[in-house]
Amino acid sequence: MFRDSPGDGGRRPARNVLGEPLESCSFNPLTGFFRNGCCDTGPADAGSHTVCAVMTADFLAFSKARGNDLSTPMPEHGFPGLRPGDRWCLCAPRWQEALEAGQAPPVALKATHEGALASCDLADLKAHAVDLS
């Protein structure tokens, strides 16, 4: 899916939902499916951790109620627990679920991978953007 010409290592640079190069989401806490600070994705990322979301207390409570506790630290897995204001690569289907429940957290579009568009509408993401002028 991300193949380009043979001279570039076989993979094109990741793009965000705006069609630009993907920017980093967070290094503190370290996020991303690959734990590289970016919401990049690949075939092993079944959850599509592609939306760079800014955590809110309401969203963290919503996610916990839906069975995905993002606020409790799990040091055995290197997970510090998230607090309001933290940026995190969220699964695109979870963001869409939160949107439909009126609990969608804000989004950093420049750090949201274009793969999120398989589950989320660009207009909805833009309506929750923190990085549009």
C-alpha atoms as a PDB file:
ATOM      1  CA  MET A   1       0.000   0.000   0.000  1.00  0.00           C
ATOM      2  CA  PHE A   2       2.857   2.433   0.741  1.00  0.00           C
ATOM      3  CA  ARG A   3       5.176   1.400  -2.103  1.00  0.00           C
ATOM      4  CA  ASP A   4       7.021   3.967  -4.162  1.00  0.00           C
ATOM      5  CA  SER A   5       9.971   3.726  -6.527  1.00  0.00           C
ATOM      6  CA  PRO A   6      12.616   1.061  -5.815  1.00  0.00           C
ATOM      7  CA  GLY A   7      15.317   3.646  -5.049  1.00  0.00           C
ATOM      8  CA  ASP A   8      13.624   5.012  -1.919  1.00  0.00           C
ATOM      9  CA  GLY A   9      13.741   1.923   0.280  1.00  0.00           C
ATOM     10  CA  GLY A  10      10.308   0.781  -0.911  1.00  0.00           C
ATOM     11  CA  ARG A  11       8.211   2.964   1.374  1.00  0.00           C
ATOM     12  CA  ARG A  12       7.018   6.496   0.891  1.00  0.00           C
ATOM     13  CA  PRO A  13       7.005   8.926   3.818  1.00  0.00           C
ATOM     14  CA  ALA A  14       3.891   8.791   5.962  1.00  0.00           C
ATOM     15  CA  ARG A  15       1.276  11.444   5.214  1.00  0.00           C
ATOM     16  CA  ASN A  16      -1.250  13.142   7.465  1.00  0.00           C
ATOM     17  CA  VAL A  17      -4.952  13.656   6.744  1.00  0.00           C
ATOM     18  CA  LEU A  18      -4.107  16.952   5.027  1.00  0.00           C
ATOM     19  CA  GLY A  19      -1.826  15.178   2.529  1.00  0.00           C
ATOM     20  CA  GLU A  20       1.337  16.623   4.096  1.00  0.00           C
ATOM     21  CA  PRO A  21       4.249  14.809   5.771  1.00  0.00           C
ATOM     22  CA  LEU A  22       3.140  13.296   9.074  1.00  0.00           C
ATOM     23  CA  GLU A  23       4.309  15.273  12.116  1.00  0.00           C
ATOM     24  CA  SER A  24       5.082  13.753  15.505  1.00  0.00           C
ATOM     25  CA  CYS A  25       2.282  13.448  18.058  1.00  0.00           C
ATOM     26  CA  SER A  26       4.032  13.027  21.428  1.00  0.00           C
ATOM     27  CA  PHE A  27       7.328  11.935  22.918  1.00  0.00           C
ATOM     28  CA  ASN A  28       6.159  12.530  26.501  1.00  0.00           C
ATOM     29  CA  PRO A  29       4.291  10.328  26.923  1.00  0.00           C
ATOM     30  CA  LEU A  30       5.839   8.287  24.127  1.00  0.00           C
ATOM     31  CA  THR A  31       3.014   7.300  21.800  1.00  0.00           C
ATOM     32  CA  GLY A  32       2.355   5.540  18.535  1.00  0.00           C
ATOM     33  CA  PHE A  33       1.820   1.926  17.580  1.00  0.00           C
ATOM     34  CA  PHE A  34       5.576   1.713  16.995  1.00  0.00           C
ATOM     35  CA  ARG A  35       6.299   3.850  20.118  1.00  0.00           C
ATOM     36  CA  ASN A  36       8.207   6.335  17.983  1.00  0.00           C
ATOM     37  CA  GLY A  37       6.173   9.443  18.840  1.00  0.00           C
ATOM     38  CA  CYS A  38       4.206   9.315  15.573  1.00  0.00           C
ATOM     39  CA  CYS A  39       0.765   7.998  14.641  1.00  0.00           C
ATOM     40  CA  ASP A  40       2.271   5.959  11.820  1.00  0.00           C
ATOM     41  CA  THR A  41       0.703   2.625  10.980  1.00  0.00           C
ATOM     42  CA  GLY A  42       1.378  -0.602   9.167  1.00  0.00           C
ATOM     43  CA  PRO A  43      -0.090  -4.038   8.539  1.00  0.00           C
ATOM     44  CA  ALA A  44       0.472  -5.161  12.162  1.00  0.00           C
ATOM     45  CA  ASP A  45      -1.552  -2.217  13.525  1.00  0.00           C
ATOM     46  CA  ALA A  46      -4.976  -3.873  13.546  1.00  0.00           C
ATOM     47  CA  GLY A  47      -6.415  -1.088  15.728  1.00  0.00           C
ATOM     48  CA  SER A  48      -5.315   1.739  13.400  1.00  0.00           C
ATOM     49  CA  HIS A  49      -3.594   3.922  16.046  1.00  0.00           C
ATOM     50  CA  THR A  50      -3.685   6.868  13.653  1.00  0.00           C
ATOM     51  CA  VAL A  51      -5.524   9.786  15.331  1.00  0.00           C
ATOM     52  CA  CYS A  52      -3.339  12.177  17.322  1.00  0.00           C
ATOM     53  CA  ALA A  53      -5.824  13.109  20.032  1.00  0.00           C
ATOM     54  CA  VAL A  54      -5.492  15.553  22.913  1.00  0.00           C
ATOM     55  CA  MET A  55      -6.826  13.824  26.002  1.00  0.00           C
ATOM     56  CA  THR A  56      -9.649  15.386  27.996  1.00  0.00           C
ATOM     57  CA  ALA A  57     -11.087  14.256  31.333  1.00  0.00           C
ATOM     58  CA  ASP A  58     -14.409  13.521  29.622  1.00  0.00           C
ATOM     59  CA  PHE A  59     -12.808  11.380  26.930  1.00  0.00           C
ATOM     60  CA  LEU A  60     -10.651   9.467  29.427  1.00  0.00           C
ATOM     61  CA  ALA A  61     -13.774   8.681  31.474  1.00  0.00           C
ATOM     62  CA  PHE A  62     -15.645   7.655  28.299  1.00  0.00           C
ATOM     63  CA  SER A  63     -12.824   5.376  27.178  1.00  0.00           C
ATOM     64  CA  LYS A  64     -12.558   3.762  30.619  1.00  0.00           C
ATOM     65  CA  ALA A  65     -16.325   3.152  30.669  1.00  0.00           C
ATOM     66  CA  ARG A  66     -15.987   1.452  27.262  1.00  0.00           C
ATOM     67  CA  GLY A  67     -13.317  -0.912  28.576  1.00  0.00           C
ATOM     68  CA  ASN A  68     -10.147   0.912  27.523  1.00  0.00           C
ATOM     69  CA  ASP A  69      -8.646   2.495  30.642  1.00  0.00           C
ATOM     70  CA  LEU A  70      -6.068   4.964  29.391  1.00  0.00           C
ATOM     71  CA  SER A  71      -5.656   6.835  32.675  1.00  0.00           C
ATOM     72  CA  THR A  72      -4.354   4.112  34.989  1.00  0.00           C
ATOM     73  CA  PRO A  73      -0.554   3.645  34.865  1.00  0.00           C
ATOM     74  CA  MET A  74       0.693   0.174  33.965  1.00  0.00           C
ATOM     75  CA  PRO A  75       4.438   0.347  34.677  1.00  0.00           C
ATOM     76  CA  GLU A  76       4.897  -3.325  33.797  1.00  0.00           C
ATOM     77  CA  HIS A  77       4.051  -2.324  30.201  1.00  0.00           C
ATOM     78  CA  GLY A  78       5.894   0.998  30.277  1.00  0.00           C
ATOM     79  CA  PHE A  79       2.575   2.865  30.229  1.00  0.00           C
ATOM     80  CA  PRO A  80       2.468   5.971  32.452  1.00  0.00           C
ATOM     81  CA  GLY A  81      -1.297   6.527  32.266  1.00  0.00           C
ATOM     82  CA  LEU A  82      -2.691   9.530  30.445  1.00  0.00           C
ATOM     83  CA  ARG A  83      -3.884  12.837  31.848  1.00  0.00           C
ATOM     84  CA  PRO A  84      -5.914  15.646  30.296  1.00  0.00           C
ATOM     85  CA  GLY A  85      -3.712  17.567  27.885  1.00  0.00           C
ATOM     86  CA  ASP A  86      -1.564  14.567  26.906  1.00  0.00           C
ATOM     87  CA  ARG A  87      -1.405  13.801  23.191  1.00  0.00           C
ATOM     88  CA  TRP A  88      -1.873  10.144  22.254  1.00  0.00           C
ATOM     89  CA  CYS A  89      -2.212   8.092  19.068  1.00  0.00           C
ATOM     90  CA  LEU A  90      -5.747   6.875  19.433  1.00  0.00           C
ATOM     91  CA  CYS A  91      -7.375   4.105  17.414  1.00  0.00           C
ATOM     92  CA  ALA A  92      -9.395   5.730  14.643  1.00  0.00           C
ATOM     93  CA  PRO A  93     -12.477   3.540  15.276  1.00  0.00           C
ATOM     94  CA  ARG A  94     -12.379   4.537  18.993  1.00  0.00           C
ATOM     95  CA  TRP A  95     -12.245   8.233  18.028  1.00  0.00           C
ATOM     96  CA  GLN A  96     -15.217   7.699  15.711  1.00  0.00           C
ATOM     97  CA  GLU A  97     -17.093   5.885  18.485  1.00  0.00           C
ATOM     98  CA  ALA A  98     -16.400   8.807  20.837  1.00  0.00           C
ATOM     99  CA  LEU A  99     -17.590  11.268  18.179  1.00  0.00           C
ATOM    100  CA  GLU A 100     -20.873   9.416  17.820  1.00  0.00           C
ATOM    101  CA  ALA A 101     -21.280   9.510  21.630  1.00  0.00           C
ATOM    102  CA  GLY A 102     -20.514  13.256  21.779  1.00  0.00           C
ATOM    103  CA  GLN A 103     -17.188  12.622  23.569  1.00  0.00           C
ATOM    104  CA  ALA A 104     -14.587  13.033  20.809  1.00  0.00           C
ATOM    105  CA  PRO A 105     -11.330  14.569  22.024  1.00  0.00           C
ATOM    106  CA  PRO A 106      -9.581  17.347  20.081  1.00  0.00           C
ATOM    107  CA  VAL A 107      -7.304  16.276  17.234  1.00  0.00           C
ATOM    108  CA  ALA A 108      -3.890  17.397  15.957  1.00  0.00           C
ATOM    109  CA  LEU A 109      -4.480  17.010  12.205  1.00  0.00           C
ATOM    110  CA  LYS A 110      -0.850  17.450  11.180  1.00  0.00           C
ATOM    111  CA  ALA A 111       0.042  14.468  13.368  1.00  0.00           C
ATOM    112  CA  THR A 112      -2.987  12.336  12.374  1.00  0.00           C
ATOM    113  CA  HIS A 113      -2.104   9.673   9.802  1.00  0.00           C
ATOM    114  CA  GLU A 114      -4.078   9.573   6.554  1.00  0.00           C
ATOM    115  CA  GLY A 115      -5.069   5.998   7.445  1.00  0.00           C
ATOM    116  CA  ALA A 116      -7.540   7.474   9.943  1.00  0.00           C
ATOM    117  CA  LEU A 117      -9.715   8.450   6.991  1.00  0.00           C
ATOM    118  CA  ALA A 118     -10.740   4.801   6.612  1.00  0.00           C
ATOM    119  CA  SER A 119     -12.759   5.195   9.835  1.00  0.00           C
ATOM    120  CA  CYS A 120     -13.222   8.950  10.270  1.00  0.00           C
ATOM    121  CA  ASP A 121     -14.526  11.716   8.052  1.00  0.00           C
ATOM    122  CA  LEU A 122     -12.081  14.564   7.379  1.00  0.00           C
ATOM    123  CA  ALA A 123     -14.787  17.164   8.068  1.00  0.00           C
ATOM    124  CA  ASP A 124     -15.374  15.651  11.533  1.00  0.00           C
ATOM    125  CA  LEU A 125     -11.650  15.602  12.279  1.00  0.00           C
ATOM    126  CA  LYS A 126     -11.330  19.219  11.132  1.00  0.00           C
ATOM    127  CA  ALA A 127     -14.253  20.228  13.351  1.00  0.00           C
ATOM    128  CA  HIS A 128     -12.217  18.958  16.341  1.00  0.00           C
ATOM    129  CA  ALA A 129      -8.808  20.237  15.170  1.00  0.00           C
ATOM    130  CA  VAL A 130      -6.434  22.088  17.464  1.00  0.00           C
ATOM    131  CA  ASP A 131      -3.987  22.971  14.700  1.00  0.00           C
ATOM    132  CA  LEU A 132      -6.017  24.743  12.004  1.00  0.00           C
ATOM    133  CA  SER A 133      -5.703  28.500  11.635  1.00  0.00           C
END
